[in-house]
Amino acid sequence: MLTSQIALEQIEADLESAFCIGDSLFEAGMAHITKPPRHLDRAHLERRTPPPEPLPTREEVRRELGWVLVAAERQAQAERDR
């Protein structure tokens, strides 16, 4: 029990020192980062974003949803009922 407590305290101490080192590196790095002007940022996003694809036709939508099969089943049922 005592050894596990000592090990836990050592891990906590290591984590604290790691976060202190990481924070100081983070803060030092943030001092040199600049933000581009809005118009350049928007232009970059427009170049990076692909143009939207055209919408599918009604026939493609019906085929993908299986509505063609429903219509065919109704037609077959109507022929059987005759």
PDB file of N, CA and C in Angstrom:
ATOM      1  N   MET A   1       0.827  -1.199   0.000  1.00  0.00           N
ATOM      2  CA  MET A   1       0.000   0.000   0.000  1.00  0.00           C
ATOM      3  C   MET A   1       0.865   1.254   0.000  1.00  0.00           C
ATOM      4  N   LEU A   2       1.915   1.248   0.806  1.00  0.00           N
ATOM      5  CA  LEU A   2       2.787   2.403   0.910  1.00  0.00           C
ATOM      6  C   LEU A   2       3.557   2.638  -0.389  1.00  0.00           C
ATOM      7  N   THR A   3       3.985   1.557  -1.039  1.00  0.00           N
ATOM      8  CA  THR A   3       4.723   1.715  -2.298  1.00  0.00           C
ATOM      9  C   THR A   3       3.825   2.240  -3.404  1.00  0.00           C
ATOM     10  N   SER A   4       2.566   1.808  -3.423  1.00  0.00           N
ATOM     11  CA  SER A   4       1.661   2.320  -4.453  1.00  0.00           C
ATOM     12  C   SER A   4       1.366   3.798  -4.228  1.00  0.00           C
ATOM     13  N   GLN A   5       1.295   4.213  -2.957  1.00  0.00           N
ATOM     14  CA  GLN A   5       1.071   5.626  -2.644  1.00  0.00           C
ATOM     15  C   GLN A   5       2.270   6.463  -3.104  1.00  0.00           C
ATOM     16  N   ILE A   6       3.477   5.964  -2.865  1.00  0.00           N
ATOM     17  CA  ILE A   6       4.688   6.671  -3.282  1.00  0.00           C
ATOM     18  C   ILE A   6       4.748   6.756  -4.805  1.00  0.00           C
ATOM     19  N   ALA A   7       4.396   5.666  -5.469  1.00  0.00           N
ATOM     20  CA  ALA A   7       4.400   5.660  -6.931  1.00  0.00           C
ATOM     21  C   ALA A   7       3.381   6.654  -7.474  1.00  0.00           C
ATOM     22  N   LEU A   8       2.214   6.709  -6.849  1.00  0.00           N
ATOM     23  CA  LEU A   8       1.176   7.650  -7.276  1.00  0.00           C
ATOM     24  C   LEU A   8       1.646   9.096  -7.104  1.00  0.00           C
ATOM     25  N   GLU A   9       2.287   9.384  -5.977  1.00  0.00           N
ATOM     26  CA  GLU A   9       2.806  10.729  -5.745  1.00  0.00           C
ATOM     27  C   GLU A   9       3.882  11.086  -6.774  1.00  0.00           C
ATOM     28  N   GLN A  10       4.710  10.120  -7.141  1.00  0.00           N
ATOM     29  CA  GLN A  10       5.755  10.367  -8.132  1.00  0.00           C
ATOM     30  C   GLN A  10       5.146  10.671  -9.499  1.00  0.00           C
ATOM     31  N   ILE A  11       4.102   9.923  -9.846  1.00  0.00           N
ATOM     32  CA  ILE A  11       3.419  10.152 -11.130  1.00  0.00           C
ATOM     33  C   ILE A  11       2.792  11.547 -11.152  1.00  0.00           C
ATOM     34  N   GLU A  12       2.142  11.914 -10.046  1.00  0.00           N
ATOM     35  CA  GLU A  12       1.522  13.239  -9.973  1.00  0.00           C
ATOM     36  C   GLU A  12       2.576  14.339 -10.093  1.00  0.00           C
ATOM     37  N   ALA A  13       3.718  14.165  -9.446  1.00  0.00           N
ATOM     38  CA  ALA A  13       4.791  15.155  -9.535  1.00  0.00           C
ATOM     39  C   ALA A  13       5.314  15.254 -10.960  1.00  0.00           C
ATOM     40  N   ASP A  14       5.466  14.104 -11.621  1.00  0.00           N
ATOM     41  CA  ASP A  14       5.933  14.114 -13.010  1.00  0.00           C
ATOM     42  C   ASP A  14       4.947  14.836 -13.919  1.00  0.00           C
ATOM     43  N   LEU A  15       3.654  14.578 -13.694  1.00  0.00           N
ATOM     44  CA  LEU A  15       2.640  15.241 -14.516  1.00  0.00           C
ATOM     45  C   LEU A  15       2.656  16.745 -14.294  1.00  0.00           C
ATOM     46  N   GLU A  16       2.784  17.173 -13.038  1.00  0.00           N
ATOM     47  CA  GLU A  16       2.820  18.607 -12.759  1.00  0.00           C
ATOM     48  C   GLU A  16       3.995  19.271 -13.464  1.00  0.00           C
ATOM     49  N   SER A  17       5.148  18.648 -13.411  1.00  0.00           N
ATOM     50  CA  SER A  17       6.305  19.250 -14.074  1.00  0.00           C
ATOM     51  C   SER A  17       6.129  19.237 -15.592  1.00  0.00           C
ATOM     52  N   ALA A  18       5.522  18.193 -16.116  1.00  0.00           N
ATOM     53  CA  ALA A  18       5.300  18.128 -17.566  1.00  0.00           C
ATOM     54  C   ALA A  18       4.349  19.235 -18.014  1.00  0.00           C
ATOM     55  N   PHE A  19       3.286  19.475 -17.239  1.00  0.00           N
ATOM     56  CA  PHE A  19       2.348  20.521 -17.617  1.00  0.00           C
ATOM     57  C   PHE A  19       2.985  21.894 -17.493  1.00  0.00           C
ATOM     58  N   CYS A  20       3.833  22.094 -16.508  1.00  0.00           N
ATOM     59  CA  CYS A  20       4.517  23.383 -16.372  1.00  0.00           C
ATOM     60  C   CYS A  20       5.428  23.628 -17.568  1.00  0.00           C
ATOM     61  N   ILE A  21       6.144  22.605 -17.979  1.00  0.00           N
ATOM     62  CA  ILE A  21       7.029  22.745 -19.138  1.00  0.00           C
ATOM     63  C   ILE A  21       6.203  23.003 -20.389  1.00  0.00           C
ATOM     64  N   GLY A  22       5.138  22.246 -20.544  1.00  0.00           N
ATOM     65  CA  GLY A  22       4.280  22.402 -21.718  1.00  0.00           C
ATOM     66  C   GLY A  22       3.642  23.768 -21.774  1.00  0.00           C
ATOM     67  N   ASP A  23       3.172  24.274 -20.641  1.00  0.00           N
ATOM     68  CA  ASP A  23       2.543  25.591 -20.613  1.00  0.00           C
ATOM     69  C   ASP A  23       3.526  26.680 -20.998  1.00  0.00           C
ATOM     70  N   SER A  24       4.759  26.605 -20.460  1.00  0.00           N
ATOM     71  CA  SER A  24       5.726  27.645 -20.780  1.00  0.00           C
ATOM     72  C   SER A  24       6.093  27.606 -22.262  1.00  0.00           C
ATOM     73  N   LEU A  25       6.186  26.407 -22.843  1.00  0.00           N
ATOM     74  CA  LEU A  25       6.475  26.303 -24.269  1.00  0.00           C
ATOM     75  C   LEU A  25       5.306  26.834 -25.083  1.00  0.00           C
ATOM     76  N   PHE A  26       4.093  26.533 -24.614  1.00  0.00           N
ATOM     77  CA  PHE A  26       2.894  26.990 -25.316  1.00  0.00           C
ATOM     78  C   PHE A  26       2.825  28.509 -25.306  1.00  0.00           C
ATOM     79  N   GLU A  27       3.051  29.100 -24.144  1.00  0.00           N
ATOM     80  CA  GLU A  27       2.979  30.560 -24.042  1.00  0.00           C
ATOM     81  C   GLU A  27       4.073  31.221 -24.870  1.00  0.00           C
ATOM     82  N   ALA A  28       5.273  30.658 -24.865  1.00  0.00           N
ATOM     83  CA  ALA A  28       6.364  31.240 -25.647  1.00  0.00           C
ATOM     84  C   ALA A  28       6.061  31.148 -27.141  1.00  0.00           C
ATOM     85  N   GLY A  29       5.469  30.033 -27.570  1.00  0.00           N
ATOM     86  CA  GLY A  29       5.140  29.863 -28.971  1.00  0.00           C
ATOM     87  C   GLY A  29       4.016  30.766 -29.422  1.00  0.00           C
ATOM     88  N   MET A  30       3.075  31.052 -28.550  1.00  0.00           N
ATOM     89  CA  MET A  30       1.933  31.880 -28.901  1.00  0.00           C
ATOM     90  C   MET A  30       2.335  33.338 -29.129  1.00  0.00           C
ATOM     91  N   ALA A  31       3.433  33.769 -28.562  1.00  0.00           N
ATOM     92  CA  ALA A  31       3.844  35.160 -28.706  1.00  0.00           C
ATOM     93  C   ALA A  31       4.234  35.483 -30.151  1.00  0.00           C
ATOM     94  N   HIS A  32       4.622  34.496 -30.954  1.00  0.00           N
ATOM     95  CA  HIS A  32       5.112  34.739 -32.308  1.00  0.00           C
ATOM     96  C   HIS A  32       4.086  34.448 -33.396  1.00  0.00           C
ATOM     97  N   ILE A  33       2.924  33.961 -33.029  1.00  0.00           N
ATOM     98  CA  ILE A  33       1.913  33.613 -34.032  1.00  0.00           C
ATOM     99  C   ILE A  33       1.114  34.860 -34.381  1.00  0.00           C
ATOM    100  N   THR A  34       0.991  35.131 -35.679  1.00  0.00           N
ATOM    101  CA  THR A  34       0.171  36.248 -36.129  1.00  0.00           C
ATOM    102  C   THR A  34      -1.026  35.715 -36.893  1.00  0.00           C
ATOM    103  N   LYS A  35      -2.060  36.497 -36.937  1.00  0.00           N
ATOM    104  CA  LYS A  35      -3.296  36.105 -37.599  1.00  0.00           C
ATOM    105  C   LYS A  35      -3.371  36.806 -38.958  1.00  0.00           C
ATOM    106  N   PRO A  36      -3.700  36.065 -40.040  1.00  0.00           N
ATOM    107  CA  PRO A  36      -3.778  36.716 -41.352  1.00  0.00           C
ATOM    108  C   PRO A  36      -5.008  37.624 -41.418  1.00  0.00           C
ATOM    109  N   PRO A  37      -4.972  38.607 -42.296  1.00  0.00           N
ATOM    110  CA  PRO A  37      -6.149  39.471 -42.464  1.00  0.00           C
ATOM    111  C   PRO A  37      -7.350  38.652 -42.960  1.00  0.00           C
ATOM    112  N   ARG A  38      -8.530  39.142 -42.671  1.00  0.00           N
ATOM    113  CA  ARG A  38      -9.751  38.417 -43.021  1.00  0.00           C
ATOM    114  C   ARG A  38      -9.860  38.126 -44.514  1.00  0.00           C
ATOM    115  N   HIS A  39      -9.538  39.121 -45.332  1.00  0.00           N
ATOM    116  CA  HIS A  39      -9.711  38.918 -46.777  1.00  0.00           C
ATOM    117  C   HIS A  39      -8.786  37.812 -47.289  1.00  0.00           C
ATOM    118  N   LEU A  40      -7.578  37.689 -46.731  1.00  0.00           N
ATOM    119  CA  LEU A  40      -6.688  36.603 -47.147  1.00  0.00           C
ATOM    120  C   LEU A  40      -7.182  35.253 -46.638  1.00  0.00           C
ATOM    121  N   ASP A  41      -7.727  35.252 -45.425  1.00  0.00           N
ATOM    122  CA  ASP A  41      -8.257  34.015 -44.861  1.00  0.00           C
ATOM    123  C   ASP A  41      -9.458  33.528 -45.673  1.00  0.00           C
ATOM    124  N   ARG A  42     -10.350  34.433 -46.025  1.00  0.00           N
ATOM    125  CA  ARG A  42     -11.528  34.063 -46.821  1.00  0.00           C
ATOM    126  C   ARG A  42     -11.131  33.591 -48.216  1.00  0.00           C
ATOM    127  N   ALA A  43     -10.147  34.268 -48.804  1.00  0.00           N
ATOM    128  CA  ALA A  43      -9.680  33.853 -50.132  1.00  0.00           C
ATOM    129  C   ALA A  43      -9.079  32.454 -50.070  1.00  0.00           C
ATOM    130  N   HIS A  44      -8.331  32.167 -49.017  1.00  0.00           N
ATOM    131  CA  HIS A  44      -7.748  30.834 -48.864  1.00  0.00           C
ATOM    132  C   HIS A  44      -8.845  29.775 -48.727  1.00  0.00           C
ATOM    133  N   LEU A  45      -9.864  30.059 -47.924  1.00  0.00           N
ATOM    134  CA  LEU A  45     -10.956  29.103 -47.744  1.00  0.00           C
ATOM    135  C   LEU A  45     -11.723  28.886 -49.042  1.00  0.00           C
ATOM    136  N   GLU A  46     -11.908  29.932 -49.822  1.00  0.00           N
ATOM    137  CA  GLU A  46     -12.602  29.783 -51.103  1.00  0.00           C
ATOM    138  C   GLU A  46     -11.799  28.928 -52.075  1.00  0.00           C
ATOM    139  N   ARG A  47     -10.483  29.099 -52.086  1.00  0.00           N
ATOM    140  CA  ARG A  47      -9.640  28.269 -52.960  1.00  0.00           C
ATOM    141  C   ARG A  47      -9.627  26.821 -52.499  1.00  0.00           C
ATOM    142  N   ARG A  48      -9.683  26.608 -51.195  1.00  0.00           N
ATOM    143  CA  ARG A  48      -9.575  25.267 -50.630  1.00  0.00           C
ATOM    144  C   ARG A  48     -10.890  24.486 -50.717  1.00  0.00           C
ATOM    145  N   THR A  49     -12.014  25.180 -50.689  1.00  0.00           N
ATOM    146  CA  THR A  49     -13.327  24.530 -50.681  1.00  0.00           C
ATOM    147  C   THR A  49     -13.712  24.141 -52.102  1.00  0.00           C
ATOM    148  N   PRO A  50     -14.034  22.856 -52.331  1.00  0.00           N
ATOM    149  CA  PRO A  50     -14.441  22.448 -53.684  1.00  0.00           C
ATOM    150  C   PRO A  50     -15.834  22.980 -54.010  1.00  0.00           C
ATOM    151  N   PRO A  51     -16.129  23.174 -55.290  1.00  0.00           N
ATOM    152  CA  PRO A  51     -17.468  23.642 -55.652  1.00  0.00           C
ATOM    153  C   PRO A  51     -18.507  22.567 -55.321  1.00  0.00           C
ATOM    154  N   PRO A  52     -19.721  22.968 -54.991  1.00  0.00           N
ATOM    155  CA  PRO A  52     -20.743  21.978 -54.639  1.00  0.00           C
ATOM    156  C   PRO A  52     -21.124  21.122 -55.849  1.00  0.00           C
ATOM    157  N   GLU A  53     -21.434  19.879 -55.573  1.00  0.00           N
ATOM    158  CA  GLU A  53     -21.857  18.977 -56.655  1.00  0.00           C
ATOM    159  C   GLU A  53     -23.303  19.294 -57.031  1.00  0.00           C
ATOM    160  N   PRO A  54     -23.677  19.071 -58.292  1.00  0.00           N
ATOM    161  CA  PRO A  54     -25.066  19.325 -58.680  1.00  0.00           C
ATOM    162  C   PRO A  54     -26.004  18.334 -57.982  1.00  0.00           C
ATOM    163  N   LEU A  55     -27.223  18.785 -57.765  1.00  0.00           N
ATOM    164  CA  LEU A  55     -28.210  17.917 -57.116  1.00  0.00           C
ATOM    165  C   LEU A  55     -28.574  16.758 -58.036  1.00  0.00           C
ATOM    166  N   PRO A  56     -28.897  15.586 -57.477  1.00  0.00           N
ATOM    167  CA  PRO A  56     -29.291  14.459 -58.320  1.00  0.00           C
ATOM    168  C   PRO A  56     -30.664  14.708 -58.940  1.00  0.00           C
ATOM    169  N   THR A  57     -30.917  14.043 -60.052  1.00  0.00           N
ATOM    170  CA  THR A  57     -32.222  14.181 -60.702  1.00  0.00           C
ATOM    171  C   THR A  57     -33.273  13.439 -59.890  1.00  0.00           C
ATOM    172  N   ARG A  58     -34.532  13.713 -60.198  1.00  0.00           N
ATOM    173  CA  ARG A  58     -35.620  13.046 -59.476  1.00  0.00           C
ATOM    174  C   ARG A  58     -35.590  11.540 -59.700  1.00  0.00           C
ATOM    175  N   GLU A  59     -35.227  11.123 -60.907  1.00  0.00           N
ATOM    176  CA  GLU A  59     -35.168   9.689 -61.201  1.00  0.00           C
ATOM    177  C   GLU A  59     -34.087   9.007 -60.359  1.00  0.00           C
ATOM    178  N   GLU A  60     -32.939   9.685 -60.193  1.00  0.00           N
ATOM    179  CA  GLU A  60     -31.863   9.111 -59.374  1.00  0.00           C
ATOM    180  C   GLU A  60     -32.292   8.981 -57.919  1.00  0.00           C
ATOM    181  N   VAL A  61     -32.971   9.990 -57.402  1.00  0.00           N
ATOM    182  CA  VAL A  61     -33.438   9.957 -56.015  1.00  0.00           C
ATOM    183  C   VAL A  61     -34.433   8.811 -55.831  1.00  0.00           C
ATOM    184  N   ARG A  62     -35.376   8.705 -56.749  1.00  0.00           N
ATOM    185  CA  ARG A  62     -36.379   7.627 -56.648  1.00  0.00           C
ATOM    186  C   ARG A  62     -35.723   6.253 -56.712  1.00  0.00           C
ATOM    187  N   ARG A  63     -34.722   6.109 -57.586  1.00  0.00           N
ATOM    188  CA  ARG A  63     -34.032   4.827 -57.709  1.00  0.00           C
ATOM    189  C   ARG A  63     -33.265   4.497 -56.429  1.00  0.00           C
ATOM    190  N   GLU A  64     -32.566   5.494 -55.867  1.00  0.00           N
ATOM    191  CA  GLU A  64     -31.787   5.260 -54.651  1.00  0.00           C
ATOM    192  C   GLU A  64     -32.668   4.967 -53.450  1.00  0.00           C
ATOM    193  N   LEU A  65     -33.858   5.575 -53.396  1.00  0.00           N
ATOM    194  CA  LEU A  65     -34.772   5.327 -52.284  1.00  0.00           C
ATOM    195  C   LEU A  65     -35.601   4.062 -52.475  1.00  0.00           C
ATOM    196  N   GLY A  66     -35.536   3.486 -53.659  1.00  0.00           N
ATOM    197  CA  GLY A  66     -36.287   2.262 -53.907  1.00  0.00           C
ATOM    198  C   GLY A  66     -37.729   2.503 -54.322  1.00  0.00           C
ATOM    199  N   TRP A  67     -38.060   3.726 -54.664  1.00  0.00           N
ATOM    200  CA  TRP A  67     -39.434   4.022 -55.046  1.00  0.00           C
ATOM    201  C   TRP A  67     -39.797   3.364 -56.364  1.00  0.00           C
ATOM    202  N   VAL A  68     -38.809   3.083 -57.200  1.00  0.00           N
ATOM    203  CA  VAL A  68     -39.068   2.391 -58.457  1.00  0.00           C
ATOM    204  C   VAL A  68     -39.601   1.002 -58.158  1.00  0.00           C
ATOM    205  N   LEU A  69     -39.024   0.368 -57.152  1.00  0.00           N
ATOM    206  CA  LEU A  69     -39.479  -0.969 -56.770  1.00  0.00           C
ATOM    207  C   LEU A  69     -40.895  -0.937 -56.220  1.00  0.00           C
ATOM    208  N   VAL A  70     -41.236   0.117 -55.476  1.00  0.00           N
ATOM    209  CA  VAL A  70     -42.590   0.249 -54.936  1.00  0.00           C
ATOM    210  C   VAL A  70     -43.587   0.394 -56.073  1.00  0.00           C
ATOM    211  N   ALA A  71     -43.258   1.228 -57.054  1.00  0.00           N
ATOM    212  CA  ALA A  71     -44.155   1.416 -58.199  1.00  0.00           C
ATOM    213  C   ALA A  71     -44.315   0.117 -58.974  1.00  0.00           C
ATOM    214  N   ALA A  72     -43.208  -0.617 -59.150  1.00  0.00           N
ATOM    215  CA  ALA A  72     -43.282  -1.889 -59.864  1.00  0.00           C
ATOM    216  C   ALA A  72     -44.118  -2.896 -59.083  1.00  0.00           C
ATOM    217  N   GLU A  73     -43.989  -2.908 -57.770  1.00  0.00           N
ATOM    218  CA  GLU A  73     -44.775  -3.826 -56.931  1.00  0.00           C
ATOM    219  C   GLU A  73     -46.258  -3.484 -56.997  1.00  0.00           C
ATOM    220  N   ARG A  74     -46.589  -2.202 -56.985  1.00  0.00           N
ATOM    221  CA  ARG A  74     -47.996  -1.795 -57.101  1.00  0.00           C
ATOM    222  C   ARG A  74     -48.570  -2.209 -58.449  1.00  0.00           C
ATOM    223  N   GLN A  75     -47.769  -2.032 -59.513  1.00  0.00           N
ATOM    224  CA  GLN A  75     -48.233  -2.414 -60.844  1.00  0.00           C
ATOM    225  C   GLN A  75     -48.445  -3.921 -60.918  1.00  0.00           C
ATOM    226  N   ALA A  76     -47.532  -4.694 -60.346  1.00  0.00           N
ATOM    227  CA  ALA A  76     -47.671  -6.146 -60.346  1.00  0.00           C
ATOM    228  C   ALA A  76     -48.883  -6.574 -59.531  1.00  0.00           C
ATOM    229  N   GLN A  77     -49.125  -5.911 -58.405  1.00  0.00           N
ATOM    230  CA  GLN A  77     -50.287  -6.229 -57.574  1.00  0.00           C
ATOM    231  C   GLN A  77     -51.581  -5.905 -58.318  1.00  0.00           C
ATOM    232  N   ALA A  78     -51.596  -4.800 -59.048  1.00  0.00           N
ATOM    233  CA  ALA A  78     -52.792  -4.418 -59.813  1.00  0.00           C
ATOM    234  C   ALA A  78     -53.071  -5.445 -60.909  1.00  0.00           C
ATOM    235  N   GLU A  79     -52.016  -5.957 -61.546  1.00  0.00           N
ATOM    236  CA  GLU A  79     -52.187  -6.959 -62.596  1.00  0.00           C
ATOM    237  C   GLU A  79     -52.680  -8.282 -62.009  1.00  0.00           C
ATOM    238  N   ARG A  80     -52.223  -8.618 -60.802  1.00  0.00           N
ATOM    239  CA  ARG A  80     -52.681  -9.864 -60.165  1.00  0.00           C
ATOM    240  C   ARG A  80     -54.131  -9.764 -59.733  1.00  0.00           C
ATOM    241  N   ASP A  81     -54.571  -8.564 -59.365  1.00  0.00           N
ATOM    242  CA  ASP A  81     -55.949  -8.381 -58.890  1.00  0.00           C
ATOM    243  C   ASP A  81     -56.956  -8.400 -60.025  1.00  0.00           C
ATOM    244  N   ARG A  82     -56.504  -8.260 -61.261  1.00  0.00           N
ATOM    245  CA  ARG A  82     -57.431  -8.234 -62.404  1.00  0.00           C
ATOM    246  C   ARG A  82     -58.068  -9.529 -62.628  1.00  0.00           C
TER     247      ARG A  82
END
